[in-house]
Amino acid sequence: MTNDERSTNAQMTQYPERARRHSDFAIPSGVVIRHSSFPSGLIATSAQLGELLEKIERVDRVAVDTEADSLHCYREKLCLLQISVPGCDYIVDPLADVAEPALGGQPLQLPQRDRTSNANRRGWAIQPLQRTGCPPGAQRIDLEPLCAALERKEIVLHGADFDLRLLRRGLNFSARRIFDTVIAARLVGIREFSLAALVKRYFGVELGKGSQKANWGRRPLPARMIEYAMNDTHYLLSLADCLESQLRGHDQLDWLWQSCQRAIEQAAIERVRDEDELWRIRGSASLRGQEAAVLRALWQWRENEAEAADRPPFHILQNHELLNAATSFVSGSTPDYKHFSSRRRQTFREAAQTAMRLPESEWPLLRRRSGTRPGQETVRRAEELRRRRDRAAKELDLEPSFIAPRGTIEAIATNETHATTLLVPWQKELLGIKARPRGLSRSFPFEDSPAS
């Protein structure tokens, strides 16, 4: 984004020309659409990583995606890091040993027939056999040089929040500049913005979905999983070029950078959960008194079992089974599950019985809704914000919730200072919100704009 690009105030006068602008988009002639005919590989050694670093240094923009094992382990970990640079796709294995797996490794060939050509894509995967990651204490491939190289580049991501948080936890990596293709797609008015939908829309390619819930911590990885993972970044650079061209044509690149910067800031904030709220799963509000006490105890028992087995809690017992078990114990029956071992069955029952012996004073308190009913002035402010949002959304052909969701509107109507933390500048301008002068605390800062 250059300084001579027009402001959003100037753009406000051109709403009608932008309606349905995404429906007749033609791919710019300068955009290179890459198909599956380029060399690719799985990076499992320091030597292989060095080759990738050389390619990253030559470019300004790198596509990145991640895979974790949250559906298969208690604490999810970074299992795969997909990286694409112009002409090449790579997968970095964070679970690989530094040592070359000379005797315990195998090549993995990945033929993929391209829909538009006769070319095949083949990758070479060097992976230990019969492994599920590195054992505790073992030395893994050093990815600090990779993080240092990526920090200097613009990172293209699709739905950045999960990847940014996983990269920060797993590699202590924080991106400085990103291009989120989800944000970009929504800014040009696209409603179906999954990666599969966008790849089909722009490139006419159907992406497979077979490995979405796979165990990415297993080793060696099957060819179909490697192919699935590579496709997550294979089209991202070309997709970013297409979306960037559209946004530039309507002087909205600055809107994208504002939202992407906010995404970086939000992903850096550690989510803190109230320990007393964790056990309150969906459906728990219908339980009272002793039933709630038993549910809380069974939830904690399930957490302990899951952590010890390194499995997700739902592998031990699903939420609806926890709810049914709590009510069953209090009603006098003893629920049982065939997949429980004798030890697990015993500790399960002991947890419930201990909770049932608690005095009433130690039962969970009924959770009450916080807040008060909004006053007439707050309702008026919310309605005015909603009206401005909906008008701008219609004229720009954007989703209203993308400009400002319901909760954000209500929060700002209650206290206009929330706009600073909940909205980026382009969203505030569309809502007619201007900076509040110092010392002005009670008036609501609407601009006198055409939208009013």
Protein backbone atom coordinates (compact mmCIF):
# COMPACT_ATOMS: atom_id res chain seq x y z
CA MET A 1 0.00 0.00 0.00
CA THR A 2 1.54 3.32 -1.08
CA ASN A 3 0.89 6.74 0.40
CA ASP A 4 -0.68 8.04 -2.78
CA GLU A 5 -3.55 5.55 -2.71
CA ARG A 6 -6.86 7.23 -2.10
CA SER A 7 -8.44 7.34 1.34
CA THR A 8 -11.57 5.47 2.28
CA ASN A 9 -13.44 8.80 2.43
CA ALA A 10 -12.90 9.21 -1.31
CA GLN A 11 -14.02 5.64 -1.89
CA MET A 12 -17.32 6.22 -0.08
CA THR A 13 -18.63 8.20 -3.05
CA GLN A 14 -18.18 5.24 -5.41
CA TYR A 15 -20.24 2.54 -3.68
CA PRO A 16 -22.63 1.88 -6.61
CA GLU A 17 -19.83 1.05 -9.06
CA ARG A 18 -18.50 -1.64 -6.75
CA ALA A 19 -21.68 -3.66 -6.30
CA ARG A 20 -21.30 -7.26 -7.49
CA ARG A 21 -17.72 -6.44 -8.58
CA HIS A 22 -16.50 -9.95 -7.76
CA SER A 23 -18.88 -11.69 -10.16
CA ASP A 24 -17.15 -10.76 -13.42
CA PHE A 25 -13.50 -10.78 -12.34
CA ALA A 26 -10.95 -11.70 -14.99
CA ILE A 27 -7.59 -13.08 -13.89
CA PRO A 28 -4.91 -10.45 -14.62
CA SER A 29 -2.51 -11.33 -17.40
CA GLY A 30 0.45 -10.96 -15.05
CA VAL A 31 -0.78 -13.62 -12.63
CA VAL A 32 0.88 -17.01 -13.02
CA ILE A 33 -1.48 -19.88 -12.23
CA ARG A 34 0.67 -22.74 -11.02
CA HIS A 35 -0.54 -26.28 -11.39
CA SER A 36 0.91 -29.46 -9.99
CA SER A 37 3.92 -29.84 -12.23
CA PHE A 38 6.60 -28.33 -9.97
CA PRO A 39 9.17 -30.11 -7.81
CA SER A 40 8.23 -30.50 -4.18
CA GLY A 41 9.57 -32.23 -1.10
CA LEU A 42 9.34 -32.92 2.57
CA ILE A 43 12.01 -31.21 4.65
CA ALA A 44 13.17 -33.52 7.43
CA THR A 45 16.88 -32.68 7.72
CA SER A 46 18.98 -29.57 8.28
CA ALA A 47 20.58 -29.95 4.84
CA GLN A 48 17.19 -29.99 3.12
CA LEU A 49 16.11 -26.99 5.19
CA GLY A 50 19.15 -25.06 3.97
CA GLU A 51 18.01 -25.48 0.37
CA LEU A 52 14.56 -24.14 1.27
CA LEU A 53 16.04 -21.12 3.06
CA GLU A 54 17.93 -20.16 -0.09
CA LYS A 55 14.67 -20.11 -2.06
CA ILE A 56 12.87 -18.09 0.62
CA GLU A 57 15.61 -15.45 0.61
CA ARG A 58 15.00 -14.75 -3.09
CA VAL A 59 11.30 -13.84 -2.73
CA ASP A 60 9.20 -11.25 -0.91
CA ARG A 61 6.08 -13.35 -0.33
CA VAL A 62 5.78 -16.90 1.05
CA ALA A 63 2.66 -19.04 1.43
CA VAL A 64 2.38 -20.89 4.74
CA ASP A 65 -0.03 -23.35 6.32
CA THR A 66 0.11 -25.68 9.31
CA GLU A 67 -1.27 -29.01 10.45
CA ALA A 68 -1.78 -30.05 14.06
CA ASP A 69 -3.01 -33.17 15.86
CA SER A 70 -5.73 -31.65 18.06
CA LEU A 71 -8.19 -34.41 17.14
CA HIS A 72 -5.76 -37.11 18.25
CA CYS A 73 -3.79 -35.75 21.23
CA TYR A 74 -4.56 -34.01 24.51
CA ARG A 75 -2.26 -31.07 23.81
CA GLU A 76 -2.09 -30.24 20.15
CA LYS A 77 1.32 -29.72 18.61
CA LEU A 78 2.65 -28.43 15.34
CA CYS A 79 3.03 -31.51 13.15
CA LEU A 80 3.58 -30.08 9.69
CA LEU A 81 4.53 -26.75 8.16
CA GLN A 82 3.63 -26.29 4.50
CA ILE A 83 5.54 -23.63 2.58
CA SER A 84 5.22 -22.52 -1.04
CA VAL A 85 7.45 -20.14 -2.96
CA PRO A 86 6.99 -19.38 -6.65
CA GLY A 87 7.50 -22.66 -8.50
CA CYS A 88 7.99 -24.96 -5.49
CA ASP A 89 5.98 -26.50 -2.66
CA TYR A 90 7.62 -27.83 0.49
CA ILE A 91 6.56 -29.50 3.70
CA VAL A 92 8.72 -29.07 6.77
CA ASP A 93 8.52 -31.83 9.38
CA PRO A 94 8.93 -30.29 12.87
CA LEU A 95 8.85 -33.80 14.39
CA ALA A 96 11.83 -35.12 12.43
CA ASP A 97 15.20 -35.91 14.01
CA VAL A 98 18.27 -33.99 12.91
CA ALA A 99 20.01 -37.27 12.16
CA GLU A 100 19.58 -38.60 8.62
CA PRO A 101 17.24 -41.64 8.70
CA ALA A 102 19.55 -43.71 6.51
CA LEU A 103 18.29 -47.16 7.43
CA GLY A 104 14.93 -46.21 8.90
CA GLY A 105 13.70 -44.00 6.12
CA GLN A 106 11.97 -44.44 2.83
CA PRO A 107 11.25 -42.36 -0.25
CA LEU A 108 7.69 -41.25 -0.78
CA GLN A 109 6.59 -40.53 -4.33
CA LEU A 110 3.53 -38.42 -4.86
CA PRO A 111 2.07 -38.74 -8.36
CA GLN A 112 -0.74 -36.27 -8.90
CA ARG A 113 -2.39 -36.06 -12.28
CA ASP A 114 -3.07 -32.45 -13.16
CA ARG A 115 -6.47 -31.67 -14.62
CA THR A 116 -5.02 -29.25 -17.15
CA SER A 117 -1.85 -30.99 -18.24
CA ASN A 118 -0.13 -34.36 -18.40
CA ALA A 119 2.50 -33.39 -15.85
CA ASN A 120 2.99 -35.25 -12.59
CA ARG A 121 4.16 -33.76 -9.32
CA ARG A 122 6.53 -35.91 -7.30
CA GLY A 123 7.97 -35.28 -3.86
CA TRP A 124 10.72 -36.97 -1.91
CA ALA A 125 9.88 -37.57 1.72
CA ILE A 126 12.59 -38.71 4.10
CA GLN A 127 10.84 -39.95 7.22
CA PRO A 128 11.56 -42.41 10.00
CA LEU A 129 9.51 -45.57 9.78
CA GLN A 130 7.02 -46.54 12.49
CA ARG A 131 7.36 -43.24 14.27
CA THR A 132 4.82 -40.82 15.70
CA GLY A 133 7.01 -37.77 16.04
CA CYS A 134 10.18 -37.46 18.07
CA PRO A 135 10.29 -39.19 21.46
CA PRO A 136 10.54 -36.87 24.50
CA GLY A 137 14.01 -35.41 24.85
CA ALA A 138 15.16 -36.30 21.34
CA GLN A 139 16.78 -33.64 19.20
CA ARG A 140 14.61 -32.29 16.41
CA ILE A 141 15.45 -30.32 13.32
CA ASP A 142 16.40 -26.73 14.23
CA LEU A 143 13.75 -24.43 12.75
CA GLU A 144 15.06 -21.15 14.17
CA PRO A 145 16.74 -20.24 10.85
CA LEU A 146 13.43 -20.83 9.08
CA CYS A 147 11.58 -18.58 11.53
CA ALA A 148 14.18 -15.86 11.06
CA ALA A 149 13.81 -16.07 7.27
CA LEU A 150 10.00 -15.97 7.40
CA GLU A 151 9.94 -12.98 9.75
CA ARG A 152 11.42 -10.86 6.97
CA LYS A 153 8.76 -11.88 4.44
CA GLU A 154 5.09 -11.26 3.82
CA ILE A 155 3.28 -14.46 4.81
CA VAL A 156 0.24 -15.56 2.83
CA LEU A 157 -2.23 -17.51 4.98
CA HIS A 158 -5.79 -18.69 4.59
CA GLY A 159 -7.64 -17.93 7.82
CA ALA A 160 -4.63 -16.66 9.74
CA ASP A 161 -5.68 -16.89 13.39
CA PHE A 162 -5.22 -20.65 13.97
CA ASP A 163 -1.93 -20.80 12.07
CA LEU A 164 -0.48 -17.73 13.78
CA ARG A 165 -1.35 -19.04 17.23
CA LEU A 166 0.03 -22.50 16.46
CA LEU A 167 3.26 -21.05 15.05
CA ARG A 168 3.69 -18.84 18.10
CA ARG A 169 3.17 -21.74 20.50
CA GLY A 170 5.12 -24.30 18.51
CA LEU A 171 8.01 -22.25 17.12
CA ASN A 172 7.82 -18.92 18.98
CA PHE A 173 7.28 -17.35 15.56
CA SER A 174 5.45 -14.05 15.09
CA ALA A 175 4.73 -12.76 11.60
CA ARG A 176 5.35 -9.10 10.88
CA ARG A 177 3.20 -8.83 7.75
CA ILE A 178 0.55 -11.19 6.43
CA PHE A 179 -1.87 -11.51 3.55
CA ASP A 180 -4.96 -13.38 4.73
CA THR A 181 -6.84 -14.68 1.70
CA VAL A 182 -10.02 -15.08 3.76
CA ILE A 183 -10.03 -11.39 4.66
CA ALA A 184 -9.20 -10.45 1.08
CA ALA A 185 -11.96 -12.63 -0.34
CA ARG A 186 -14.54 -11.16 2.03
CA LEU A 187 -13.41 -7.64 1.15
CA VAL A 188 -14.20 -8.27 -2.52
CA GLY A 189 -17.63 -9.55 -1.56
CA ILE A 190 -17.15 -13.31 -1.87
CA ARG A 191 -19.49 -15.31 0.38
CA GLU A 192 -18.00 -18.79 -0.16
CA PHE A 193 -14.46 -18.21 1.04
CA SER A 194 -13.19 -21.66 2.03
CA LEU A 195 -9.91 -22.54 0.34
CA ALA A 196 -11.61 -25.22 -1.74
CA ALA A 197 -14.29 -22.77 -2.90
CA LEU A 198 -11.76 -20.09 -3.83
CA VAL A 199 -9.46 -22.50 -5.69
CA LYS A 200 -12.42 -23.79 -7.68
CA ARG A 201 -13.67 -20.25 -8.32
CA TYR A 202 -10.40 -18.84 -9.61
CA PHE A 203 -8.59 -21.87 -11.01
CA GLY A 204 -11.30 -24.44 -11.73
CA VAL A 205 -9.62 -27.08 -9.54
CA GLU A 206 -11.43 -29.37 -7.09
CA LEU A 207 -9.43 -29.94 -3.91
CA GLY A 208 -9.84 -33.17 -1.99
CA LYS A 209 -11.12 -33.20 1.59
CA GLY A 210 -10.15 -36.68 2.69
CA SER A 211 -7.41 -35.78 5.18
CA GLN A 212 -9.03 -32.94 7.11
CA LYS A 213 -9.37 -35.00 10.30
CA ALA A 214 -6.31 -37.20 9.81
CA ASN A 215 -3.63 -37.74 12.45
CA TRP A 216 -0.85 -35.44 11.29
CA GLY A 217 1.45 -36.65 14.05
CA ARG A 218 1.81 -40.12 12.53
CA ARG A 219 4.95 -41.13 10.64
CA PRO A 220 5.44 -41.97 7.87
CA LEU A 221 2.76 -39.83 6.26
CA PRO A 222 0.77 -41.54 3.48
CA ALA A 223 1.02 -40.06 0.00
CA ARG A 224 -2.59 -38.85 0.06
CA MET A 225 -1.90 -36.80 3.21
CA ILE A 226 1.24 -35.27 1.71
CA GLU A 227 -0.73 -34.33 -1.39
CA TYR A 228 -3.55 -32.84 0.70
CA ALA A 229 -1.09 -30.82 2.78
CA MET A 230 0.78 -29.48 -0.24
CA ASN A 231 -2.44 -28.32 -1.84
CA ASP A 232 -3.11 -26.12 1.19
CA THR A 233 -0.38 -23.71 0.02
CA HIS A 234 0.05 -24.72 -3.63
CA TYR A 235 -2.50 -22.17 -4.90
CA LEU A 236 -2.17 -19.50 -2.19
CA LEU A 237 0.37 -17.28 -3.93
CA SER A 238 -1.60 -17.15 -7.17
CA LEU A 239 -4.81 -16.67 -5.20
CA ALA A 240 -3.27 -13.76 -3.31
CA ASP A 241 -2.20 -12.18 -6.61
CA CYS A 242 -5.76 -12.42 -7.96
CA LEU A 243 -7.35 -10.97 -4.84
CA GLU A 244 -4.73 -8.25 -4.53
CA SER A 245 -5.42 -7.17 -8.11
CA GLN A 246 -9.13 -6.85 -7.35
CA LEU A 247 -8.53 -4.88 -4.17
CA ARG A 248 -6.06 -2.57 -5.88
CA GLY A 249 -8.59 -1.88 -8.61
CA HIS A 250 -10.99 -0.53 -6.00
CA ASP A 251 -8.42 1.17 -3.77
CA GLN A 252 -9.09 -1.22 -0.91
CA LEU A 253 -5.62 -2.63 -0.32
CA ASP A 254 -5.29 -0.39 2.72
CA TRP A 255 -8.41 -2.01 4.17
CA LEU A 256 -6.77 -5.40 3.79
CA TRP A 257 -3.54 -4.32 5.50
CA GLN A 258 -5.50 -2.81 8.39
CA SER A 259 -7.45 -6.03 8.96
CA CYS A 260 -4.38 -8.23 8.54
CA GLN A 261 -2.44 -6.18 11.07
CA ARG A 262 -5.32 -6.53 13.51
CA ALA A 263 -5.28 -10.29 12.91
CA ILE A 264 -1.58 -10.38 13.88
CA GLU A 265 -2.30 -8.40 17.04
CA GLN A 266 -5.26 -10.56 18.04
CA ALA A 267 -3.35 -13.81 17.51
CA ALA A 268 -0.61 -12.56 19.84
CA ILE A 269 -3.07 -12.24 22.73
CA GLU A 270 -3.11 -15.30 24.95
CA ARG A 271 -6.63 -16.59 25.54
CA VAL A 272 -7.34 -16.92 29.25
CA ARG A 273 -10.21 -19.17 30.32
CA ASP A 274 -11.93 -19.08 33.69
CA GLU A 275 -11.17 -22.37 35.45
CA ASP A 276 -14.64 -22.38 36.99
CA GLU A 277 -16.22 -22.12 33.55
CA LEU A 278 -14.33 -24.86 31.72
CA TRP A 279 -16.54 -27.70 32.97
CA ARG A 280 -19.74 -25.89 31.95
CA ILE A 281 -20.16 -27.70 28.64
CA ARG A 282 -23.13 -27.26 26.34
CA GLY A 283 -26.22 -28.55 28.12
CA SER A 284 -24.78 -28.07 31.61
CA ALA A 285 -27.09 -25.12 32.31
CA SER A 286 -29.97 -27.57 32.80
CA LEU A 287 -28.16 -29.27 35.69
CA ARG A 288 -28.58 -27.91 39.20
CA GLY A 289 -27.14 -28.58 42.62
CA GLN A 290 -25.73 -32.05 43.11
CA GLU A 291 -26.00 -32.93 39.43
CA ALA A 292 -23.79 -29.94 38.58
CA ALA A 293 -21.31 -31.01 41.27
CA VAL A 294 -21.07 -34.49 39.78
CA LEU A 295 -20.70 -33.12 36.26
CA ARG A 296 -17.85 -30.88 37.39
CA ALA A 297 -16.10 -33.86 39.02
CA LEU A 298 -16.59 -36.09 35.97
CA TRP A 299 -15.30 -33.36 33.67
CA GLN A 300 -12.13 -33.06 35.75
CA TRP A 301 -11.78 -36.85 35.82
CA ARG A 302 -12.05 -36.90 32.04
CA GLU A 303 -9.36 -34.21 31.73
CA ASN A 304 -6.99 -36.23 33.91
CA GLU A 305 -7.64 -39.40 31.94
CA ALA A 306 -7.18 -37.65 28.61
CA GLU A 307 -3.93 -36.02 29.67
CA ALA A 308 -2.53 -39.30 30.99
CA ALA A 309 -3.44 -41.12 27.76
CA ASP A 310 -2.49 -38.17 25.53
CA ARG A 311 -5.85 -38.32 23.82
CA PRO A 312 -8.53 -35.66 23.27
CA PRO A 313 -11.14 -35.66 26.07
CA PHE A 314 -13.91 -36.72 23.70
CA HIS A 315 -11.99 -39.96 23.09
CA ILE A 316 -12.53 -40.78 26.76
CA LEU A 317 -16.17 -39.78 27.01
CA GLN A 318 -18.22 -37.40 24.90
CA ASN A 319 -20.01 -34.39 26.35
CA HIS A 320 -23.51 -35.78 26.11
CA GLU A 321 -22.32 -38.91 27.90
CA LEU A 322 -20.89 -36.79 30.71
CA LEU A 323 -24.24 -35.03 31.11
CA ASN A 324 -26.18 -38.30 31.13
CA ALA A 325 -23.73 -39.86 33.59
CA ALA A 326 -24.10 -36.96 36.04
CA THR A 327 -27.87 -37.22 36.11
CA SER A 328 -27.73 -41.02 36.29
CA PHE A 329 -25.44 -41.07 39.33
CA VAL A 330 -27.64 -38.60 41.21
CA SER A 331 -30.78 -40.57 40.35
CA GLY A 332 -29.26 -43.71 41.86
CA SER A 333 -28.11 -45.64 38.80
CA THR A 334 -24.52 -46.39 37.81
CA PRO A 335 -23.70 -45.76 34.13
CA ASP A 336 -21.18 -48.02 32.46
CA TYR A 337 -19.30 -47.97 29.17
CA LYS A 338 -17.92 -51.01 27.38
CA HIS A 339 -14.74 -49.30 26.23
CA PHE A 340 -13.67 -48.54 29.84
CA SER A 341 -10.90 -50.59 31.36
CA SER A 342 -11.45 -51.86 34.90
CA ARG A 343 -9.14 -49.16 36.26
CA ARG A 344 -10.88 -46.38 34.33
CA ARG A 345 -14.29 -47.67 35.37
CA GLN A 346 -13.25 -47.61 39.01
CA THR A 347 -11.82 -44.09 38.97
CA PHE A 348 -14.88 -42.90 37.02
CA ARG A 349 -17.21 -44.13 39.74
CA GLU A 350 -14.98 -42.84 42.54
CA ALA A 351 -15.00 -39.35 41.03
CA ALA A 352 -18.81 -39.31 40.96
CA GLN A 353 -19.17 -40.74 44.47
CA THR A 354 -16.75 -38.17 45.89
CA ALA A 355 -18.77 -35.36 44.33
CA MET A 356 -22.02 -36.77 45.70
CA ARG A 357 -20.60 -36.61 49.24
CA LEU A 358 -19.88 -32.89 48.98
CA PRO A 359 -21.93 -30.62 51.25
CA GLU A 360 -24.40 -28.35 49.55
CA SER A 361 -22.17 -25.36 50.30
CA GLU A 362 -19.57 -26.77 47.89
CA TRP A 363 -21.93 -27.35 44.98
CA PRO A 364 -21.38 -25.10 41.96
CA LEU A 365 -23.20 -21.80 42.04
CA LEU A 366 -25.84 -21.15 39.45
CA ARG A 367 -24.32 -18.97 36.77
CA ARG A 368 -26.22 -15.74 36.36
CA ARG A 369 -26.22 -13.59 33.29
CA SER A 370 -24.21 -10.42 33.71
CA GLY A 371 -25.13 -7.00 32.43
CA THR A 372 -28.20 -4.85 32.51
CA ARG A 373 -30.95 -4.15 30.07
CA PRO A 374 -29.79 -1.45 27.61
CA GLY A 375 -31.33 1.95 28.00
CA GLN A 376 -33.32 3.78 25.36
CA GLU A 377 -30.33 5.88 24.28
CA THR A 378 -28.13 2.80 23.87
CA VAL A 379 -30.82 1.11 21.78
CA ARG A 380 -31.06 4.22 19.59
CA ARG A 381 -27.29 4.28 19.08
CA ALA A 382 -27.21 0.59 18.20
CA GLU A 383 -29.99 1.02 15.68
CA GLU A 384 -28.20 3.97 14.06
CA LEU A 385 -24.97 1.98 13.80
CA ARG A 386 -26.85 -1.00 12.39
CA ARG A 387 -28.56 1.19 9.79
CA ARG A 388 -25.26 2.69 8.66
CA ARG A 389 -23.62 -0.74 8.55
CA ASP A 390 -26.39 -2.32 6.51
CA ARG A 391 -26.44 0.55 4.01
CA ALA A 392 -22.68 0.38 3.51
CA ALA A 393 -22.83 -3.41 3.22
CA LYS A 394 -25.49 -3.21 0.51
CA GLU A 395 -23.66 -0.57 -1.50
CA LEU A 396 -20.29 -2.34 -1.21
CA ASP A 397 -21.80 -5.82 -1.60
CA LEU A 398 -20.20 -6.97 1.66
CA GLU A 399 -21.56 -9.12 4.44
CA PRO A 400 -22.92 -6.84 7.20
CA SER A 401 -21.32 -8.99 9.89
CA PHE A 402 -17.93 -8.53 8.22
CA ILE A 403 -18.18 -4.78 8.71
CA ALA A 404 -19.38 -5.15 12.31
CA PRO A 405 -21.05 -8.16 13.95
CA ARG A 406 -24.02 -7.73 16.27
CA GLY A 407 -21.99 -8.00 19.47
CA THR A 408 -19.58 -5.32 18.31
CA ILE A 409 -22.39 -2.91 17.48
CA GLU A 410 -24.00 -3.42 20.87
CA ALA A 411 -20.69 -2.96 22.68
CA ILE A 412 -19.93 0.30 20.85
CA ALA A 413 -23.47 1.58 21.39
CA THR A 414 -22.95 1.03 25.11
CA ASN A 415 -19.49 2.60 25.18
CA GLU A 416 -18.12 4.24 22.04
CA THR A 417 -14.51 3.83 23.22
CA HIS A 418 -14.83 0.10 22.43
CA ALA A 419 -14.62 1.03 18.73
CA THR A 420 -10.87 1.50 19.09
CA THR A 421 -10.26 -2.11 20.11
CA LEU A 422 -13.07 -3.81 18.19
CA LEU A 423 -12.83 -2.11 14.79
CA VAL A 424 -10.09 -1.11 12.36
CA PRO A 425 -10.17 2.33 10.66
CA TRP A 426 -12.03 1.26 7.50
CA GLN A 427 -14.81 -0.33 9.55
CA LYS A 428 -15.16 2.79 11.71
CA GLU A 429 -15.38 4.98 8.63
CA LEU A 430 -18.16 2.86 7.14
CA LEU A 431 -20.06 3.15 10.42
CA GLY A 432 -19.56 6.91 10.51
CA ILE A 433 -17.50 6.79 13.71
CA LYS A 434 -14.80 9.43 14.08
CA ALA A 435 -12.14 9.90 16.71
CA ARG A 436 -13.50 11.20 20.00
CA PRO A 437 -11.85 14.47 21.08
CA ARG A 438 -10.11 14.43 24.45
CA GLY A 439 -12.37 15.34 27.31
CA LEU A 440 -15.52 14.37 25.39
CA SER A 441 -16.93 11.38 27.22
CA ARG A 442 -20.68 11.32 26.81
CA SER A 443 -21.54 12.33 23.25
CA PHE A 444 -21.66 9.69 20.54
CA PRO A 445 -19.20 10.55 17.74
CA PHE A 446 -21.21 10.12 14.55
CA GLU A 447 -19.91 11.80 11.44
CA ASP A 448 -22.27 13.85 9.34
CA SER A 449 -21.73 11.68 6.28
CA PRO A 450 -24.03 10.75 3.36
CA ALA A 451 -24.68 7.42 5.07
CA SER A 452 -26.72 9.16 7.77
